[in-house]
Structure formats: C-alpha cells, structure tokens
Amino acid sequence: METAICSRITLSPNHVVNPKPGDKLSQHRGPCANHGVLMAISMSGPGRGGGLLDKPTIEKTTPSRESEFDIKKSRKTAPPYRVILHNDNYNKREYVVQVLMKVIPGMTLDIAVNIMQEAHHNGLAVVIICSQADAEEHCMKLRGNGLHSSIEPASGGC
C-alpha cells in the first residue's frame, strides 16, 4: 500500500509525520475502523525490511448508540404484557370504540368493535399484547379517557 510522498502528513492535531526523501508512507486503519485507530507506517529504502513503525495514534470517538442487534435482543427478552379493557356501566359503546381507535396504534373499527363487545359480554377483553412500557402507556391513555383498564404479564400464551 503505497501513497504519494508529501512533504508533511497530519494524522491528528497532535501527530505530524515529516517524511524524509525516499520514505514510503502508508496509512492503515486498524482492525476495527469504528474505534478510530489510525496508524502510520514509515518504511525506508526500496523493497523488503528496514521498516520503522511509528507509535499508533488513537483518536477518541464518541460512543455510538446500541447496535440494532442489541436492541432486537433486548426486545426479544422482554416479556410481553396484555392490556385489558374492563366493562363499565358509565361509557357508551360508541365512545369506547372511539377511544380504542384513538389510543391504540393500528386499531381498526372492526377490531375495536369486537374488543368492546367482548368486554361488554364477558366483563373484560384483551386489547393488545406488547412490551411492558407500551402496555403501561396504553393503559394510562385508556384510563385518561375514562375507561377501566389494567395490564398483566402475557405468560402462558395469548
């Protein structure tokens, strides 16, 4: 890996290489480019051997956010929770359907009507199964709109 010879090469603000005439310079990123390891290799003379390695300069990089793999892994290990709607004698059926469609993302009219009917006839109905944080948020939004709801772990199947 040869590069054109320059009179001066700056690797970082604190590290400058001044090559001598006849030096061949090469820049190489270390085994993990994400860690910002930058090394300069100075070799004197043509051909093999006789090379002199400069001390690598390690540049600080900002820590990156979690990788997609880590995020997916943490999502897979988090246990799912059920959001449960409880029947009440205060809210009209149409209002319950409207609140379900407003609060739960992706809720269709048909599904909201089915959930409302199940809660009305059986006393309760499962609204959605999701992560604990999302379940708590949905439950609070349902309660904020005057509906009785709760959450529980979804262990043991749907």
Protein backbone atom coordinates (compact mmCIF):
# COMPACT_ATOMS: atom_id res chain seq x y z
CA MET A 1 0.00 0.00 0.00
CA GLU A 2 1.96 2.97 -1.23
CA THR A 3 0.81 6.55 -1.33
CA ALA A 4 2.26 9.61 -2.99
CA ILE A 5 5.02 11.23 -0.98
CA CYS A 6 4.04 14.53 0.58
CA SER A 7 6.21 16.98 2.43
CA ARG A 8 4.05 16.70 5.52
CA ILE A 9 1.24 14.36 6.65
CA THR A 10 -1.07 15.19 9.55
CA LEU A 11 -2.59 12.19 11.29
CA SER A 12 -4.21 14.10 14.13
CA PRO A 13 -3.85 17.57 15.60
CA ASN A 14 -1.07 16.32 17.88
CA HIS A 15 0.73 13.97 15.47
CA VAL A 16 2.53 15.13 12.32
CA VAL A 17 4.82 12.96 10.22
CA ASN A 18 7.57 14.71 8.26
CA PRO A 19 8.85 12.11 5.81
CA LYS A 20 12.43 12.02 4.70
CA PRO A 21 13.24 11.90 1.00
CA GLY A 22 12.88 8.32 -0.23
CA ASP A 23 10.47 7.27 2.54
CA LYS A 24 7.40 5.37 1.52
CA LEU A 25 4.36 6.12 3.65
CA SER A 26 1.21 4.17 4.12
CA GLN A 27 -1.82 4.81 6.22
CA HIS A 28 -3.77 1.88 7.61
CA ARG A 29 -6.87 1.82 9.73
CA GLY A 30 -6.67 -0.77 12.47
CA PRO A 31 -8.74 -3.96 12.63
CA CYS A 32 -11.82 -2.07 13.80
CA ALA A 33 -12.28 1.19 11.92
CA ASN A 34 -15.14 2.19 14.23
CA HIS A 35 -12.75 2.67 17.11
CA GLY A 36 -10.79 5.33 15.25
CA VAL A 37 -7.36 3.69 15.32
CA LEU A 38 -5.13 5.38 12.77
CA MET A 39 -1.56 4.18 12.24
CA ALA A 40 1.26 5.46 10.05
CA ILE A 41 3.89 3.07 8.74
CA SER A 42 7.16 4.58 7.57
CA MET A 43 9.45 2.37 5.56
CA SER A 44 12.89 3.42 4.42
CA GLY A 45 14.50 2.04 1.31
CA PRO A 46 13.05 0.07 -1.54
CA GLY A 47 11.79 -3.47 -1.21
CA ARG A 48 11.69 -5.50 1.96
CA GLY A 49 12.53 -4.94 5.59
CA GLY A 50 14.14 -1.98 7.24
CA GLY A 51 10.76 -0.58 8.18
CA LEU A 52 10.15 1.62 11.17
CA LEU A 53 6.75 1.70 12.79
CA ASP A 54 5.53 4.92 14.36
CA LYS A 55 3.56 4.68 17.56
CA PRO A 56 -0.12 4.46 16.56
CA THR A 57 -2.24 7.46 17.38
CA ILE A 58 -5.57 6.52 18.88
CA GLU A 59 -8.24 9.09 18.18
CA LYS A 60 -11.14 9.33 20.59
CA THR A 61 -14.55 8.75 19.06
CA THR A 62 -17.92 9.41 20.54
CA PRO A 63 -19.63 6.32 21.89
CA SER A 64 -22.24 5.06 19.46
CA ARG A 65 -25.78 4.11 20.36
CA GLU A 66 -26.74 0.49 20.77
CA SER A 67 -26.48 -1.60 17.65
CA GLU A 68 -29.64 -2.93 16.03
CA PHE A 69 -28.64 -6.42 17.19
CA ASP A 70 -28.52 -5.29 20.84
CA ILE A 71 -31.88 -3.55 20.54
CA LYS A 72 -33.55 -6.56 18.90
CA LYS A 73 -32.01 -8.87 21.53
CA SER A 74 -33.35 -6.75 24.40
CA ARG A 75 -36.79 -6.61 22.77
CA LYS A 76 -36.86 -10.39 22.41
CA THR A 77 -36.00 -10.99 26.06
CA ALA A 78 -38.58 -8.52 27.43
CA PRO A 79 -41.72 -10.43 28.45
CA PRO A 80 -44.95 -9.38 26.73
CA TYR A 81 -47.85 -7.81 28.61
CA ARG A 82 -51.59 -7.79 27.97
CA VAL A 83 -53.60 -4.57 28.09
CA ILE A 84 -57.05 -5.50 29.41
CA LEU A 85 -60.21 -3.45 28.99
CA HIS A 86 -62.80 -3.87 31.75
CA ASN A 87 -66.52 -3.39 31.21
CA ASP A 88 -68.16 -0.45 32.97
CA ASN A 89 -71.69 0.89 33.20
CA TYR A 90 -70.71 4.50 32.53
CA ASN A 91 -69.34 4.80 28.99
CA LYS A 92 -71.37 4.32 25.84
CA ARG A 93 -70.24 1.62 23.44
CA GLU A 94 -69.53 4.11 20.64
CA TYR A 95 -67.28 6.13 22.94
CA VAL A 96 -65.30 3.02 23.92
CA VAL A 97 -64.74 2.21 20.24
CA GLN A 98 -63.58 5.78 19.52
CA VAL A 99 -61.12 5.77 22.43
CA LEU A 100 -59.67 2.38 21.41
CA MET A 101 -59.09 3.65 17.87
CA LYS A 102 -57.52 6.87 19.15
CA VAL A 103 -55.24 5.33 21.79
CA ILE A 104 -54.07 2.04 20.25
CA PRO A 105 -51.90 2.41 17.12
CA GLY A 106 -53.22 0.48 14.12
CA MET A 107 -56.59 -0.22 15.74
CA THR A 108 -59.31 -0.67 13.13
CA LEU A 109 -63.02 -0.06 13.58
CA ASP A 110 -63.84 -3.78 13.30
CA ILE A 111 -61.27 -4.82 15.91
CA ALA A 112 -62.31 -2.01 18.27
CA VAL A 113 -65.98 -3.07 18.00
CA ASN A 114 -65.04 -6.70 18.69
CA ILE A 115 -62.98 -5.73 21.76
CA MET A 116 -65.80 -3.53 23.06
CA GLN A 117 -68.37 -6.33 22.56
CA GLU A 118 -66.15 -8.89 24.30
CA ALA A 119 -65.63 -6.58 27.28
CA HIS A 120 -69.37 -5.85 27.42
CA HIS A 121 -70.40 -9.54 27.35
CA ASN A 122 -67.53 -11.16 29.29
CA GLY A 123 -66.56 -8.35 31.66
CA LEU A 124 -63.10 -7.88 30.14
CA ALA A 125 -61.21 -8.14 26.86
CA VAL A 126 -57.57 -8.19 25.77
CA VAL A 127 -56.88 -5.01 23.80
CA ILE A 128 -53.26 -5.60 22.75
CA ILE A 129 -50.19 -7.63 23.72
CA CYS A 130 -46.97 -5.61 23.72
CA SER A 131 -43.91 -4.66 25.79
CA GLN A 132 -44.39 -3.63 29.40
CA ALA A 133 -43.54 0.02 28.71
CA ASP A 134 -46.01 0.21 25.82
CA ALA A 135 -48.67 -1.63 27.84
CA GLU A 136 -48.32 0.84 30.71
CA GLU A 137 -48.59 3.75 28.29
CA HIS A 138 -51.70 2.34 26.56
CA CYS A 139 -53.32 1.58 29.92
CA MET A 140 -52.72 5.11 31.18
CA LYS A 141 -54.14 6.61 27.98
CA LEU A 142 -57.24 4.43 28.22
CA ARG A 143 -57.70 5.45 31.86
CA GLY A 144 -57.10 9.08 30.93
CA ASN A 145 -60.08 8.80 28.60
CA GLY A 146 -62.32 7.36 31.32
CA LEU A 147 -62.04 3.64 30.51
CA HIS A 148 -61.20 0.98 33.09
CA SER A 149 -58.08 -0.92 32.07
CA SER A 150 -55.21 -2.88 33.52
CA ILE A 151 -52.11 -4.79 32.41
CA GLU A 152 -50.81 -8.26 33.23
CA PRO A 153 -47.94 -10.44 32.02
CA ALA A 154 -48.88 -12.42 28.93
CA SER A 155 -47.09 -15.58 30.07
CA GLY A 156 -48.74 -18.84 29.20
CA GLY A 157 -49.83 -17.90 25.68
CA CYS A 158 -52.31 -15.46 24.31
